[in-house]
Amino acid sequence: MPIYLIEIPHSGNTIECKQIIKLFLESGSHLLSNADWGCKDGVHKSWFKGDFENKEQALQTVPPLLRHNATIVEITKFEKSDMESFAGHNQ
């Protein structure tokens, strides 16, 4: 199953930051317990990685009010041989 990274940005405004956290709390989804946050370091985004059938399924885990700003990227781990092949190392 593909792995997707979901990034949800928000402003550095303290009120908005608290509202975003409240939305996560109210969503009750597993997104809440598995999200990582950059707010303490001044990067006002949350990230979540999970197994989903497709991007649409990944998007459905994001609280509805935050979906329009969410970025969803399918991520892949490459083996060294994959990277060497891609870079033309064996040619």
Protein backbone atom coordinates (compact mmCIF):
# COMPACT_ATOMS: atom_id res chain seq x y z
CA MET A 1 0.00 0.00 0.00
CA PRO A 2 1.38 3.45 -0.85
CA ILE A 3 2.63 5.71 1.93
CA TYR A 4 1.58 9.35 1.89
CA LEU A 5 2.95 12.37 3.73
CA ILE A 6 0.27 14.91 4.59
CA GLU A 7 1.36 18.47 5.36
CA ILE A 8 -1.11 20.93 6.85
CA PRO A 9 0.11 24.53 7.16
CA HIS A 10 -1.39 27.28 9.28
CA SER A 11 -0.39 30.81 10.24
CA GLY A 12 1.83 31.67 13.17
CA ASN A 13 -1.02 33.58 14.75
CA THR A 14 -1.48 32.12 18.25
CA ILE A 15 -5.27 32.17 17.98
CA GLU A 16 -5.26 30.33 14.64
CA CYS A 17 -2.69 27.84 15.93
CA LYS A 18 -4.96 27.02 18.88
CA GLN A 19 -7.97 26.74 16.55
CA ILE A 20 -6.11 24.25 14.36
CA ILE A 21 -5.19 22.14 17.39
CA LYS A 22 -8.85 22.28 18.50
CA LEU A 23 -9.95 21.01 15.07
CA PHE A 24 -7.56 18.09 15.41
CA LEU A 25 -8.91 17.32 18.89
CA GLU A 26 -12.50 17.42 17.65
CA SER A 27 -11.79 15.27 14.59
CA GLY A 28 -11.08 12.23 16.72
CA SER A 29 -9.16 10.72 13.81
CA HIS A 30 -5.91 8.83 14.10
CA LEU A 31 -4.39 11.92 12.48
CA LEU A 32 -4.42 13.55 15.90
CA SER A 33 -2.37 10.91 17.67
CA ASN A 34 0.13 10.52 14.82
CA ALA A 35 0.69 14.14 13.76
CA ASP A 36 3.99 15.91 14.28
CA TRP A 37 4.04 19.67 14.73
CA GLY A 38 6.64 22.33 13.95
CA CYS A 39 5.00 25.16 15.91
CA LYS A 40 7.50 25.19 18.79
CA ASP A 41 10.25 25.88 16.26
CA GLY A 42 8.29 28.56 14.42
CA VAL A 43 7.25 26.32 11.51
CA HIS A 44 3.48 26.37 11.70
CA LYS A 45 2.68 23.10 10.01
CA SER A 46 1.68 19.62 11.03
CA TRP A 47 2.79 16.45 9.27
CA PHE A 48 1.35 12.98 9.22
CA LYS A 49 2.53 9.88 7.40
CA GLY A 50 0.27 6.91 6.73
CA ASP A 51 -0.70 4.02 4.47
CA PHE A 52 -3.60 4.86 2.17
CA GLU A 53 -5.04 3.41 -1.03
CA ASN A 54 -4.70 6.76 -2.81
CA LYS A 55 -4.38 10.54 -2.30
CA GLU A 56 -8.14 10.99 -1.97
CA GLN A 57 -8.28 8.52 0.90
CA ALA A 58 -5.37 10.34 2.56
CA LEU A 59 -7.15 13.67 2.13
CA GLN A 60 -10.26 12.31 3.87
CA THR A 61 -8.27 11.95 7.12
CA VAL A 62 -7.71 15.71 7.21
CA PRO A 63 -10.37 17.73 9.06
CA PRO A 64 -12.70 19.23 6.38
CA LEU A 65 -11.85 22.87 7.16
CA LEU A 66 -8.14 22.18 6.57
CA ARG A 67 -8.31 20.14 3.36
CA HIS A 68 -7.96 23.11 1.01
CA ASN A 69 -4.45 23.87 2.35
CA ALA A 70 -3.25 20.29 2.78
CA THR A 71 -0.45 18.94 0.62
CA ILE A 72 -0.37 15.20 0.05
CA VAL A 73 2.71 13.50 -1.37
CA GLU A 74 3.24 9.82 -2.07
CA ILE A 75 6.62 8.97 -0.59
CA THR A 76 8.91 6.07 -1.41
CA LYS A 77 12.02 4.63 0.19
CA PHE A 78 14.63 3.75 -2.41
CA GLU A 79 17.28 1.11 -1.97
CA LYS A 80 20.86 2.05 -2.80
CA SER A 81 20.63 -0.02 -6.00
CA ASP A 82 17.54 1.96 -7.07
CA MET A 83 19.41 5.23 -6.60
CA GLU A 84 22.48 3.96 -8.43
CA SER A 85 20.34 2.79 -11.33
CA PHE A 86 18.48 6.09 -11.50
CA ALA A 87 21.73 8.08 -11.40
CA GLY A 88 23.20 5.96 -14.19
CA HIS A 89 25.95 4.76 -11.87
CA ASN A 90 26.09 1.35 -13.56
CA GLN A 91 26.45 2.77 -17.08
